[in-house]
Protein backbone atom coordinates (compact mmCIF):
# COMPACT_ATOMS: atom_id res chain seq x y z
CA MET A 1 73.51 42.74 -20.21
CA ASP A 2 74.18 44.89 -23.27
CA THR A 3 71.75 47.83 -23.46
CA ALA A 4 70.87 47.11 -27.11
CA VAL A 5 70.13 43.45 -26.31
CA GLU A 6 68.05 44.44 -23.29
CA SER A 7 66.10 46.95 -25.37
CA SER A 8 65.50 44.33 -28.06
CA ILE A 9 64.23 41.81 -25.50
CA ILE A 10 61.89 44.39 -23.99
CA SER A 11 60.55 45.26 -27.45
CA MET A 12 59.93 41.58 -28.23
CA LEU A 13 58.14 41.07 -24.90
CA ASP A 14 56.00 44.16 -25.48
CA ALA A 15 55.01 42.84 -28.91
CA TRP A 16 54.23 39.42 -27.48
CA PHE A 17 52.02 40.87 -24.75
CA ASP A 18 50.24 43.05 -27.31
CA SER A 19 49.44 39.93 -29.33
CA TYR A 20 48.98 37.20 -26.74
CA GLY A 21 49.01 38.80 -23.32
CA SER A 22 45.35 38.94 -22.52
CA GLY A 23 42.68 36.61 -21.26
CA SER A 24 43.67 32.97 -20.88
CA ASN A 25 47.34 33.61 -21.67
CA ILE A 26 47.97 35.30 -18.33
CA ILE A 27 48.07 33.26 -15.13
CA SER A 28 47.77 35.32 -11.97
CA GLU A 29 49.57 34.42 -8.77
CA ALA A 30 46.21 34.39 -7.02
CA SER A 31 44.99 31.54 -9.25
CA LEU A 32 48.01 29.31 -8.57
CA THR A 33 47.97 26.66 -5.89
CA VAL A 34 50.18 23.73 -4.98
CA ALA A 35 47.47 21.52 -6.49
CA ASN A 36 47.30 23.24 -9.90
CA VAL A 37 50.72 24.78 -10.54
CA ALA A 38 52.04 21.83 -12.58
CA GLU A 39 48.92 21.85 -14.75
CA LYS A 40 49.22 25.61 -15.35
CA ILE A 41 52.92 25.35 -16.27
CA MET A 42 52.20 22.48 -18.65
CA ALA A 43 49.45 24.55 -20.30
CA LEU A 44 51.98 27.32 -20.92
CA ARG A 45 54.45 24.75 -22.26
CA THR A 46 51.79 23.46 -24.64
CA LYS A 47 51.06 26.97 -25.92
CA LEU A 48 54.75 27.51 -26.66
CA SER A 49 54.89 24.21 -28.53
CA GLU A 50 51.76 25.09 -30.52
CA HIS A 51 53.55 28.24 -31.64
CA GLU A 52 56.59 26.12 -32.58
CA VAL A 53 58.90 27.65 -30.00
CA PRO A 54 61.91 25.29 -29.78
CA MET A 55 62.24 23.29 -26.55
CA GLU A 56 65.93 24.12 -26.33
CA ASN A 57 66.76 27.00 -23.98
CA ARG A 58 63.19 27.62 -22.82
CA ILE A 59 63.07 29.27 -19.44
CA LEU A 60 60.30 30.12 -17.02
CA VAL A 61 60.57 33.40 -15.15
CA VAL A 62 58.42 33.61 -12.04
CA SER A 63 58.03 35.79 -9.00
CA PRO A 64 59.32 34.68 -5.61
CA ALA A 65 55.73 33.83 -4.57
CA VAL A 66 55.25 31.54 -7.58
CA SER A 67 58.68 30.03 -6.99
CA ALA A 68 57.54 29.12 -3.49
CA ILE A 69 54.39 27.45 -4.84
CA ILE A 70 56.48 25.44 -7.32
CA ALA A 71 58.85 24.37 -4.54
CA GLN A 72 55.97 23.40 -2.26
CA ALA A 73 54.41 21.34 -5.05
CA GLY A 74 57.68 19.42 -5.39
CA ILE A 75 57.59 19.52 -9.19
CA VAL A 76 61.16 20.64 -9.72
CA ALA A 77 63.02 17.80 -11.43
CA GLY A 78 65.32 15.87 -9.16
CA THR A 79 63.91 17.09 -5.89
CA GLU A 80 61.86 14.95 -3.58
CA VAL A 81 61.95 17.49 -0.78
CA ALA A 82 60.48 20.84 -1.75
CA ALA A 83 62.84 22.73 0.54
CA ASP A 84 65.83 21.34 -1.42
CA SER A 85 64.67 22.76 -4.73
CA ALA A 86 66.40 25.85 -6.02
CA VAL A 87 64.05 27.85 -8.18
CA GLU A 88 65.72 31.06 -9.22
């Protein structure tokens, strides 16, 4: 990745966290379970929509632990078997 682009992305993320990154906008790994992960992701999706963030090219970046919870929940589109899901 170009250094200027990376620096710009980091600056935008820092600004976002300064504005929105506290309280109910942060979901900790400890609070996620197989039973609630879909609900938590949909809540984040709703917040993005409320702020008029276009649906196109949205991505979700998660840790390996959260990726495992998503896979175990079987909520990845097109996968019936959690072990077959590729969450990268």
